[in-house]
N, C-alpha and C. Protein backbone atom coordinates (compact mmCIF):
# COMPACT_ATOMS: atom_id res chain seq x y z
N MET A 1 -3.54 10.87 -10.47
CA MET A 1 -2.95 10.93 -11.79
C MET A 1 -2.51 9.52 -12.19
N LEU A 2 -2.90 9.13 -13.38
CA LEU A 2 -2.60 7.78 -13.87
C LEU A 2 -1.35 7.73 -14.74
N LEU A 3 -0.88 8.89 -15.18
CA LEU A 3 0.26 8.95 -16.09
C LEU A 3 1.50 8.34 -15.44
N GLN A 4 2.22 7.55 -16.20
CA GLN A 4 3.47 6.87 -15.87
C GLN A 4 3.27 5.58 -15.08
N ASP A 5 2.06 5.33 -14.57
CA ASP A 5 1.81 4.09 -13.84
C ASP A 5 0.77 3.25 -14.59
N PHE A 6 -0.38 3.82 -14.85
CA PHE A 6 -1.45 3.14 -15.56
C PHE A 6 -1.22 3.20 -17.07
N PHE A 7 -0.64 4.32 -17.52
CA PHE A 7 -0.33 4.49 -18.94
C PHE A 7 0.87 5.40 -19.09
N LYS A 8 1.47 5.35 -20.29
CA LYS A 8 2.57 6.27 -20.60
C LYS A 8 2.33 6.86 -21.98
N ILE A 9 2.85 8.05 -22.17
CA ILE A 9 2.73 8.74 -23.45
C ILE A 9 3.85 8.27 -24.36
N ILE A 10 3.48 7.83 -25.56
CA ILE A 10 4.43 7.32 -26.54
C ILE A 10 4.81 8.40 -27.53
N ASN A 11 3.82 9.15 -28.00
CA ASN A 11 4.06 10.15 -29.02
C ASN A 11 3.07 11.30 -28.84
N THR A 12 3.52 12.53 -29.07
CA THR A 12 2.67 13.71 -28.93
C THR A 12 2.91 14.65 -30.10
N ASP A 13 1.82 15.11 -30.70
CA ASP A 13 1.88 16.12 -31.75
C ASP A 13 0.94 17.24 -31.33
N ILE A 14 1.52 18.38 -30.92
CA ILE A 14 0.74 19.49 -30.36
C ILE A 14 0.66 20.63 -31.36
N ALA A 15 -0.54 21.16 -31.52
CA ALA A 15 -0.77 22.38 -32.32
C ALA A 15 -1.23 23.47 -31.35
N ASP A 16 -1.82 24.55 -31.86
CA ASP A 16 -2.23 25.67 -31.01
C ASP A 16 -3.15 25.26 -29.86
N SER A 17 -4.27 24.70 -30.17
CA SER A 17 -5.22 24.30 -29.13
C SER A 17 -5.74 22.88 -29.38
N SER A 18 -4.81 22.05 -29.84
CA SER A 18 -5.16 20.65 -30.07
C SER A 18 -3.90 19.80 -29.96
N ALA A 19 -4.14 18.52 -29.78
CA ALA A 19 -3.00 17.59 -29.71
C ALA A 19 -3.48 16.20 -30.10
N LEU A 20 -2.58 15.48 -30.74
CA LEU A 20 -2.79 14.07 -31.02
C LEU A 20 -1.74 13.32 -30.21
N VAL A 21 -2.21 12.45 -29.33
CA VAL A 21 -1.32 11.78 -28.39
C VAL A 21 -1.56 10.28 -28.46
N GLU A 22 -0.47 9.54 -28.63
CA GLU A 22 -0.54 8.08 -28.59
C GLU A 22 -0.10 7.64 -27.20
N VAL A 23 -0.89 6.78 -26.58
CA VAL A 23 -0.56 6.29 -25.24
C VAL A 23 -0.51 4.77 -25.24
N GLU A 24 0.23 4.25 -24.27
CA GLU A 24 0.31 2.81 -24.09
C GLU A 24 -0.15 2.46 -22.68
N LEU A 25 -1.12 1.56 -22.60
CA LEU A 25 -1.63 1.11 -21.32
C LEU A 25 -0.69 0.10 -20.69
N ASN A 26 -0.71 0.03 -19.38
CA ASN A 26 0.06 -0.96 -18.63
C ASN A 26 -0.88 -2.10 -18.24
N PRO A 27 -0.95 -3.19 -19.04
CA PRO A 27 -1.90 -4.26 -18.75
C PRO A 27 -1.63 -4.98 -17.43
N GLN A 28 -0.47 -4.74 -16.82
CA GLN A 28 -0.13 -5.36 -15.54
C GLN A 28 -0.58 -4.53 -14.35
N HIS A 29 -1.16 -3.34 -14.59
CA HIS A 29 -1.57 -2.45 -13.50
C HIS A 29 -2.63 -3.13 -12.63
N ALA A 30 -2.62 -2.83 -11.34
CA ALA A 30 -3.54 -3.44 -10.38
C ALA A 30 -5.02 -3.20 -10.73
N ILE A 31 -5.33 -2.08 -11.35
CA ILE A 31 -6.73 -1.81 -11.73
C ILE A 31 -7.26 -2.94 -12.61
N PHE A 32 -6.43 -3.42 -13.53
CA PHE A 32 -6.88 -4.48 -14.43
C PHE A 32 -7.04 -5.84 -13.73
N GLN A 33 -6.38 -6.00 -12.60
CA GLN A 33 -6.51 -7.26 -11.86
C GLN A 33 -7.93 -7.42 -11.33
N GLY A 34 -8.59 -6.31 -11.02
CA GLY A 34 -9.94 -6.38 -10.49
C GLY A 34 -11.02 -5.99 -11.49
N HIS A 35 -10.60 -5.53 -12.65
CA HIS A 35 -11.58 -5.01 -13.64
C HIS A 35 -11.28 -5.59 -15.01
N PHE A 36 -11.43 -6.72 -15.31
CA PHE A 36 -11.97 -7.87 -14.62
C PHE A 36 -10.95 -8.99 -14.69
N PRO A 37 -10.84 -9.81 -13.61
CA PRO A 37 -9.82 -10.86 -13.59
C PRO A 37 -9.94 -11.79 -14.81
N GLY A 38 -8.83 -11.97 -15.50
CA GLY A 38 -8.79 -12.86 -16.65
C GLY A 38 -9.24 -12.22 -17.96
N GLN A 39 -10.06 -11.18 -17.88
CA GLN A 39 -10.53 -10.47 -19.07
C GLN A 39 -10.54 -8.97 -18.78
N PRO A 40 -9.35 -8.36 -18.64
CA PRO A 40 -9.30 -6.96 -18.24
C PRO A 40 -9.86 -6.01 -19.28
N ILE A 41 -10.59 -5.00 -18.77
CA ILE A 41 -11.06 -3.90 -19.62
C ILE A 41 -10.73 -2.59 -18.91
N THR A 42 -10.56 -1.55 -19.67
CA THR A 42 -10.21 -0.25 -19.11
C THR A 42 -11.48 0.44 -18.59
N PRO A 43 -11.52 0.76 -17.30
CA PRO A 43 -12.70 1.43 -16.75
C PRO A 43 -12.93 2.79 -17.42
N GLY A 44 -14.18 3.12 -17.63
CA GLY A 44 -14.52 4.40 -18.25
C GLY A 44 -13.98 5.60 -17.50
N VAL A 45 -13.98 5.51 -16.17
CA VAL A 45 -13.45 6.62 -15.37
C VAL A 45 -11.96 6.81 -15.66
N CYS A 46 -11.24 5.73 -15.93
CA CYS A 46 -9.81 5.83 -16.27
C CYS A 46 -9.61 6.42 -17.66
N VAL A 47 -10.46 6.04 -18.62
CA VAL A 47 -10.39 6.60 -19.97
C VAL A 47 -10.56 8.11 -19.89
N THR A 48 -11.50 8.56 -19.07
CA THR A 48 -11.76 9.99 -18.90
C THR A 48 -10.61 10.68 -18.17
N GLN A 49 -10.13 10.08 -17.08
CA GLN A 49 -9.03 10.67 -16.32
C GLN A 49 -7.76 10.76 -17.15
N MET A 50 -7.55 9.81 -18.05
CA MET A 50 -6.38 9.86 -18.92
C MET A 50 -6.40 11.12 -19.79
N ALA A 51 -7.58 11.52 -20.26
CA ALA A 51 -7.69 12.76 -21.05
C ALA A 51 -7.25 13.96 -20.22
N VAL A 52 -7.68 13.99 -18.95
CA VAL A 52 -7.30 15.09 -18.05
C VAL A 52 -5.80 15.05 -17.79
N ASP A 53 -5.25 13.88 -17.54
CA ASP A 53 -3.82 13.73 -17.28
C ASP A 53 -2.98 14.15 -18.49
N ILE A 54 -3.43 13.78 -19.68
CA ILE A 54 -2.72 14.17 -20.90
C ILE A 54 -2.74 15.68 -21.05
N PHE A 55 -3.90 16.29 -20.83
CA PHE A 55 -4.00 17.75 -20.92
C PHE A 55 -3.08 18.41 -19.89
N SER A 56 -3.07 17.90 -18.67
CA SER A 56 -2.18 18.44 -17.63
C SER A 56 -0.72 18.34 -18.05
N HIS A 57 -0.36 17.22 -18.63
CA HIS A 57 1.01 17.02 -19.11
C HIS A 57 1.36 18.05 -20.20
N ILE A 58 0.46 18.26 -21.13
CA ILE A 58 0.69 19.22 -22.21
C ILE A 58 0.83 20.64 -21.66
N GLN A 59 -0.04 21.00 -20.72
CA GLN A 59 -0.05 22.36 -20.16
C GLN A 59 1.02 22.55 -19.09
N GLN A 60 1.63 21.47 -18.65
CA GLN A 60 2.64 21.48 -17.58
C GLN A 60 2.09 22.10 -16.30
N GLN A 61 0.83 21.76 -16.03
CA GLN A 61 0.14 22.21 -14.83
C GLN A 61 -0.96 21.20 -14.56
N GLU A 62 -1.23 20.93 -13.28
CA GLU A 62 -2.24 19.92 -12.96
C GLU A 62 -3.65 20.49 -13.07
N TYR A 63 -4.50 19.75 -13.77
CA TYR A 63 -5.91 20.11 -13.94
C TYR A 63 -6.79 19.01 -13.38
N THR A 64 -8.02 19.38 -13.06
CA THR A 64 -9.00 18.42 -12.58
C THR A 64 -10.31 18.59 -13.35
N LEU A 65 -11.02 17.52 -13.52
CA LEU A 65 -12.31 17.56 -14.19
C LEU A 65 -13.32 18.24 -13.26
N THR A 66 -14.01 19.26 -13.76
CA THR A 66 -15.00 19.96 -12.94
C THR A 66 -16.42 19.80 -13.50
N GLN A 67 -16.53 19.46 -14.77
CA GLN A 67 -17.85 19.24 -15.35
C GLN A 67 -17.73 18.27 -16.52
N ALA A 68 -18.63 17.30 -16.52
CA ALA A 68 -18.71 16.37 -17.64
C ALA A 68 -19.95 16.73 -18.44
N LYS A 69 -19.75 17.38 -19.58
CA LYS A 69 -20.88 17.78 -20.41
C LYS A 69 -21.48 16.57 -21.11
N SER A 70 -20.62 15.74 -21.67
CA SER A 70 -21.08 14.47 -22.26
C SER A 70 -19.89 13.53 -22.39
N ILE A 71 -20.14 12.28 -22.08
CA ILE A 71 -19.14 11.23 -22.22
C ILE A 71 -19.85 10.03 -22.80
N LYS A 72 -19.37 9.59 -23.95
CA LYS A 72 -19.99 8.45 -24.62
C LYS A 72 -18.92 7.40 -24.90
N PHE A 73 -19.12 6.21 -24.36
CA PHE A 73 -18.22 5.09 -24.60
C PHE A 73 -18.85 4.20 -25.67
N THR A 74 -18.12 3.98 -26.74
CA THR A 74 -18.68 3.23 -27.87
C THR A 74 -18.10 1.84 -28.02
N HIS A 75 -16.90 1.61 -27.50
CA HIS A 75 -16.27 0.29 -27.51
C HIS A 75 -15.43 0.14 -26.24
N ILE A 76 -15.22 -1.09 -25.84
CA ILE A 76 -14.40 -1.40 -24.67
C ILE A 76 -12.93 -1.43 -25.07
N ILE A 77 -12.09 -0.82 -24.24
CA ILE A 77 -10.65 -0.90 -24.47
C ILE A 77 -10.11 -2.08 -23.67
N LYS A 78 -9.67 -3.11 -24.37
CA LYS A 78 -9.06 -4.28 -23.75
C LYS A 78 -7.55 -4.11 -23.88
N PRO A 79 -6.85 -3.95 -22.75
CA PRO A 79 -5.42 -3.63 -22.82
C PRO A 79 -4.55 -4.70 -23.47
N LYS A 80 -5.01 -5.93 -23.46
CA LYS A 80 -4.23 -6.99 -24.12
C LYS A 80 -4.40 -6.94 -25.63
N GLU A 81 -5.57 -6.50 -26.11
CA GLU A 81 -5.84 -6.41 -27.54
C GLU A 81 -5.46 -5.05 -28.12
N ASN A 82 -5.67 -4.00 -27.34
CA ASN A 82 -5.37 -2.62 -27.77
C ASN A 82 -4.53 -1.93 -26.71
N PRO A 83 -3.27 -2.32 -26.56
CA PRO A 83 -2.44 -1.67 -25.54
C PRO A 83 -2.13 -0.20 -25.88
N ARG A 84 -2.23 0.15 -27.16
CA ARG A 84 -1.99 1.54 -27.57
C ARG A 84 -3.26 2.13 -28.17
N VAL A 85 -3.59 3.33 -27.71
CA VAL A 85 -4.72 4.07 -28.26
C VAL A 85 -4.30 5.52 -28.47
N HIS A 86 -5.10 6.23 -29.24
CA HIS A 86 -4.84 7.65 -29.53
C HIS A 86 -5.89 8.52 -28.86
N TYR A 87 -5.43 9.67 -28.38
CA TYR A 87 -6.31 10.71 -27.85
C TYR A 87 -6.15 11.93 -28.74
N GLN A 88 -7.24 12.33 -29.39
CA GLN A 88 -7.26 13.58 -30.14
C GLN A 88 -7.94 14.60 -29.24
N LEU A 89 -7.17 15.56 -28.72
CA LEU A 89 -7.69 16.58 -27.81
C LEU A 89 -7.84 17.90 -28.53
N ASN A 90 -8.94 18.58 -28.25
CA ASN A 90 -9.17 19.95 -28.70
C ASN A 90 -9.68 20.73 -27.50
N TRP A 91 -9.12 21.92 -27.27
CA TRP A 91 -9.54 22.67 -26.10
C TRP A 91 -9.70 24.15 -26.43
N GLU A 92 -10.47 24.79 -25.56
CA GLU A 92 -10.72 26.23 -25.67
C GLU A 92 -10.75 26.79 -24.26
N GLN A 93 -10.01 27.88 -24.05
CA GLN A 93 -10.01 28.51 -22.74
C GLN A 93 -11.33 29.27 -22.58
N VAL A 94 -12.04 29.02 -21.47
CA VAL A 94 -13.33 29.66 -21.23
C VAL A 94 -13.30 30.63 -20.05
N ALA A 95 -12.28 30.53 -19.23
CA ALA A 95 -12.06 31.44 -18.09
C ALA A 95 -10.60 31.28 -17.70
N GLU A 96 -10.17 32.10 -16.74
CA GLU A 96 -8.78 31.98 -16.30
C GLU A 96 -8.56 30.60 -15.69
N GLN A 97 -7.65 29.85 -16.26
CA GLN A 97 -7.29 28.49 -15.82
C GLN A 97 -8.44 27.49 -15.92
N GLN A 98 -9.39 27.76 -16.83
CA GLN A 98 -10.49 26.83 -17.07
C GLN A 98 -10.61 26.60 -18.58
N TYR A 99 -10.72 25.35 -18.94
CA TYR A 99 -10.78 24.98 -20.36
C TYR A 99 -11.94 24.04 -20.62
N GLN A 100 -12.54 24.22 -21.77
CA GLN A 100 -13.51 23.27 -22.31
C GLN A 100 -12.69 22.35 -23.22
N MET A 101 -12.81 21.05 -23.02
CA MET A 101 -11.99 20.11 -23.77
C MET A 101 -12.85 19.00 -24.37
N LYS A 102 -12.54 18.66 -25.60
CA LYS A 102 -13.16 17.50 -26.25
C LYS A 102 -12.04 16.51 -26.55
N ALA A 103 -12.34 15.25 -26.34
CA ALA A 103 -11.37 14.20 -26.61
C ALA A 103 -12.05 13.08 -27.39
N LEU A 104 -11.36 12.63 -28.40
CA LEU A 104 -11.77 11.45 -29.16
C LEU A 104 -10.73 10.39 -28.88
N VAL A 105 -11.17 9.24 -28.40
CA VAL A 105 -10.25 8.15 -28.06
C VAL A 105 -10.48 7.04 -29.09
N TYR A 106 -9.39 6.66 -29.77
CA TYR A 106 -9.56 5.70 -30.86
C TYR A 106 -8.27 4.93 -31.12
N HIS A 107 -8.42 3.90 -31.94
CA HIS A 107 -7.28 3.16 -32.50
C HIS A 107 -7.72 2.68 -33.88
N GLU A 108 -6.96 3.07 -34.87
CA GLU A 108 -7.29 2.76 -36.27
C GLU A 108 -8.73 3.16 -36.56
N ASP A 109 -9.59 2.22 -36.95
CA ASP A 109 -10.97 2.56 -37.31
C ASP A 109 -11.95 2.44 -36.15
N THR A 110 -11.47 2.12 -34.97
CA THR A 110 -12.36 1.92 -33.82
C THR A 110 -12.33 3.13 -32.90
N THR A 111 -13.49 3.72 -32.67
CA THR A 111 -13.63 4.81 -31.71
C THR A 111 -14.07 4.20 -30.39
N PHE A 112 -13.34 4.51 -29.32
CA PHE A 112 -13.65 3.98 -27.99
C PHE A 112 -14.49 4.94 -27.16
N ALA A 113 -14.23 6.25 -27.30
CA ALA A 113 -14.95 7.21 -26.47
C ALA A 113 -14.94 8.59 -27.12
N LYS A 114 -16.01 9.34 -26.82
CA LYS A 114 -16.11 10.76 -27.17
C LYS A 114 -16.39 11.49 -25.87
N ILE A 115 -15.49 12.39 -25.50
CA ILE A 115 -15.52 13.03 -24.20
C ILE A 115 -15.59 14.54 -24.38
N ASN A 116 -16.51 15.19 -23.66
CA ASN A 116 -16.66 16.64 -23.68
C ASN A 116 -16.73 17.09 -22.23
N ILE A 117 -15.64 17.70 -21.74
CA ILE A 117 -15.52 18.03 -20.31
C ILE A 117 -14.97 19.44 -20.13
N THR A 118 -15.12 19.91 -18.90
CA THR A 118 -14.50 21.16 -18.46
C THR A 118 -13.45 20.81 -17.41
N VAL A 119 -12.27 21.41 -17.53
CA VAL A 119 -11.20 21.19 -16.55
C VAL A 119 -10.76 22.52 -15.99
N ASP A 120 -10.36 22.49 -14.72
CA ASP A 120 -9.84 23.68 -14.03
C ASP A 120 -8.49 23.34 -13.42
N SER A 121 -7.62 24.34 -13.31
CA SER A 121 -6.32 24.11 -12.69
C SER A 121 -6.50 23.93 -11.18
N LEU A 122 -5.59 23.19 -10.59
CA LEU A 122 -5.63 22.97 -9.13
C LEU A 122 -4.86 24.06 -8.43
């Protein structure tokens, strides 16, 4: 789980099966020291895991990614230039403790990722 160490939640607006969440990255995190030194970028696996962590936080239960239907990265998130990004989550329960989730990761007019995954409770 990356929440509270790699990133923190700044603002959350939750509806029935959707949420708009603003997060702030920690540019001093060790992951950025190696990815890449002097020019840090947010690894795609972290962008995806953040969506799962945010969903777990909202549901107050830990979930894990079990299927990646599609993940498209359209721009690089540089934590020094874009320390805050938004996650627009939409989910649908497909089985007991299993959800299909779509996430749009963006800041202002820039879309960073479109994520379509399945998560299951641990």
